[in-house]
Amino acid sequence: MSSGVHAACSGSELAGVWSNPNAGKEMPRRIEIMHTCEERDHGGYVSRGKSAQNETWTVRAFHKCTPKNCVWGRVSARKNSKDELIAVFNTFSARRSLKISPGAKSIIVDYGIDYRSARKNDLKGQLYMWLDQ
């Protein structure tokens, strides 16, 4: 294989499309997590690394809007030392952050929304999401 080829990693419990249809207004309602590992050719053998320098995480998040969900955006994310996935969305109206941890058949999402306008109260909280079938 040639250097720089990307392939889906096996064993990533966070990758997938997660949702909580009962999430309130402005709360994350749907999260799409993509995970890939870079394959590298090292003199005739290919390594599929799980180390941080070989992993790529991409997160896309939505909140409840009418008539359809509003997108926060798509960002590159990183894992912290506690193996939690961290994603930060800087939008026109707010800085939105997610800390995503695996749960039992779910993910646990700690979220924070820091509005740029003093007229809106900042939000933070925690919710559970389940894998879409």
Protein backbone atom coordinates (compact mmCIF):
# COMPACT_ATOMS: atom_id res chain seq x y z
CA MET A 1 0.00 0.00 0.00
CA SER A 2 1.12 3.54 -0.57
CA SER A 3 1.77 6.05 2.18
CA GLY A 4 -1.10 8.28 3.25
CA VAL A 5 -3.97 5.90 2.48
CA HIS A 6 -6.92 6.34 4.86
CA ALA A 7 -9.14 3.49 6.00
CA ALA A 8 -11.90 3.09 8.54
CA CYS A 9 -10.62 1.93 11.94
CA SER A 10 -12.17 -0.99 13.66
CA GLY A 11 -13.06 -0.88 17.32
CA SER A 12 -14.06 2.76 17.59
CA GLU A 13 -17.08 2.81 19.91
CA LEU A 14 -17.68 6.55 19.36
CA ALA A 15 -17.96 6.50 15.55
CA GLY A 16 -21.50 6.65 14.16
CA VAL A 17 -24.63 8.79 14.09
CA TRP A 18 -26.02 9.52 17.56
CA SER A 19 -29.24 11.27 18.53
CA ASN A 20 -31.54 12.28 21.35
CA PRO A 21 -34.93 13.33 19.92
CA ASN A 22 -35.95 14.70 23.33
CA ALA A 23 -33.13 17.24 23.51
CA GLY A 24 -34.40 20.75 24.18
CA LYS A 25 -34.02 23.84 22.01
CA GLU A 26 -30.38 24.80 21.37
CA MET A 27 -29.15 21.50 22.91
CA PRO A 28 -27.27 19.07 20.69
CA ARG A 29 -29.87 16.75 19.18
CA ARG A 30 -27.83 14.78 16.62
CA ILE A 31 -24.08 14.15 16.41
CA GLU A 32 -22.23 12.45 13.56
CA ILE A 33 -18.78 11.13 14.48
CA MET A 34 -16.36 9.96 11.79
CA HIS A 35 -13.09 8.21 12.66
CA THR A 36 -10.26 7.13 10.37
CA CYS A 37 -6.72 5.87 10.85
CA GLU A 38 -3.87 6.61 8.49
CA GLU A 39 -2.07 3.62 7.03
CA ARG A 40 1.66 4.10 6.49
CA ASP A 41 4.05 1.98 4.48
CA HIS A 42 7.16 1.35 6.58
CA GLY A 43 9.58 -0.49 4.32
CA GLY A 44 7.28 -3.23 3.10
CA TYR A 45 4.74 -3.51 5.91
CA VAL A 46 1.69 -1.39 6.62
CA SER A 47 0.83 -0.25 10.11
CA ARG A 48 -2.70 0.72 11.07
CA GLY A 49 -1.95 2.88 14.05
CA LYS A 50 -4.36 3.75 16.86
CA SER A 51 -1.87 6.31 18.18
CA ALA A 52 -2.93 9.95 18.29
CA GLN A 53 -0.79 11.05 15.34
CA ASN A 54 -2.50 8.47 13.07
CA GLU A 55 -6.11 9.14 14.06
CA THR A 56 -8.51 11.62 12.49
CA TRP A 57 -11.80 12.50 14.21
CA THR A 58 -14.49 14.62 12.56
CA VAL A 59 -17.67 15.71 14.36
CA ARG A 60 -20.80 17.26 12.89
CA ALA A 61 -23.48 18.45 15.32
CA PHE A 62 -27.07 19.69 15.07
CA HIS A 63 -29.64 21.23 17.42
CA LYS A 64 -33.43 21.42 17.23
CA CYS A 65 -34.79 24.04 14.84
CA THR A 66 -37.95 24.48 12.85
CA PRO A 67 -38.69 23.06 10.31
CA LYS A 68 -35.48 20.95 10.42
CA ASN A 69 -32.42 20.63 12.66
CA CYS A 70 -29.85 23.45 12.50
CA VAL A 71 -26.23 22.50 11.96
CA TRP A 72 -23.46 23.72 14.27
CA GLY A 73 -20.89 22.76 11.67
CA ARG A 74 -18.27 20.12 10.98
CA VAL A 75 -14.98 20.26 12.87
CA SER A 76 -11.89 18.21 13.51
CA ALA A 77 -11.93 16.84 17.05
CA ARG A 78 -9.30 15.43 19.40
CA LYS A 79 -9.16 12.92 22.21
CA ASN A 80 -7.98 14.14 25.61
CA SER A 81 -5.97 12.16 28.18
CA LYS A 82 -9.20 10.65 29.59
CA ASP A 83 -10.10 9.23 26.13
CA GLU A 84 -12.96 11.75 25.75
CA LEU A 85 -13.59 13.31 22.36
CA ILE A 86 -13.45 17.14 22.36
CA ALA A 87 -15.05 19.21 19.57
CA VAL A 88 -15.32 23.02 19.45
CA PHE A 89 -17.56 24.88 17.00
CA ASN A 90 -16.89 28.61 16.58
CA THR A 91 -19.93 30.09 14.85
CA PHE A 92 -21.15 33.62 14.22
CA SER A 93 -23.46 33.58 17.24
CA ALA A 94 -21.62 31.37 19.76
CA ARG A 95 -18.73 29.15 20.73
CA ARG A 96 -20.17 25.66 21.18
CA SER A 97 -18.19 22.83 22.75
CA LEU A 98 -18.79 19.11 23.18
CA LYS A 99 -17.07 16.55 25.39
CA ILE A 100 -18.15 13.08 24.28
CA SER A 101 -17.60 9.92 26.35
CA PRO A 102 -18.69 6.34 25.70
CA GLY A 103 -21.53 5.03 27.87
CA ALA A 104 -23.34 1.71 28.07
CA LYS A 105 -24.96 1.49 24.60
CA SER A 106 -24.92 5.31 24.45
CA ILE A 107 -22.65 8.32 24.50
CA ILE A 108 -22.55 10.91 27.25
CA VAL A 109 -22.36 14.45 25.89
CA ASP A 110 -21.31 17.40 28.04
CA TYR A 111 -22.05 20.57 26.11
CA GLY A 112 -21.40 24.26 26.55
CA ILE A 113 -22.74 27.18 24.53
CA ASP A 114 -21.10 30.56 25.08
CA TYR A 115 -23.17 33.14 23.21
CA ARG A 116 -21.41 36.16 21.76
CA SER A 117 -24.42 38.35 22.63
CA ALA A 118 -24.98 39.40 26.23
CA ARG A 119 -28.74 39.21 25.53
CA LYS A 120 -28.68 35.39 25.58
CA ASN A 121 -27.80 33.31 28.61
CA ASP A 122 -24.99 30.81 28.12
CA LEU A 123 -25.97 27.15 28.39
CA LYS A 124 -24.23 24.07 29.67
CA GLY A 125 -25.40 20.61 30.54
CA GLN A 126 -25.17 16.90 29.94
CA LEU A 127 -27.30 14.50 27.93
CA TYR A 128 -27.25 10.97 26.60
CA MET A 129 -27.46 10.00 22.93
CA TRP A 130 -28.15 6.66 21.31
CA LEU A 131 -26.86 5.17 18.09
CA ASP A 132 -29.27 5.61 15.17
CA GLN A 133 -30.35 2.28 13.71
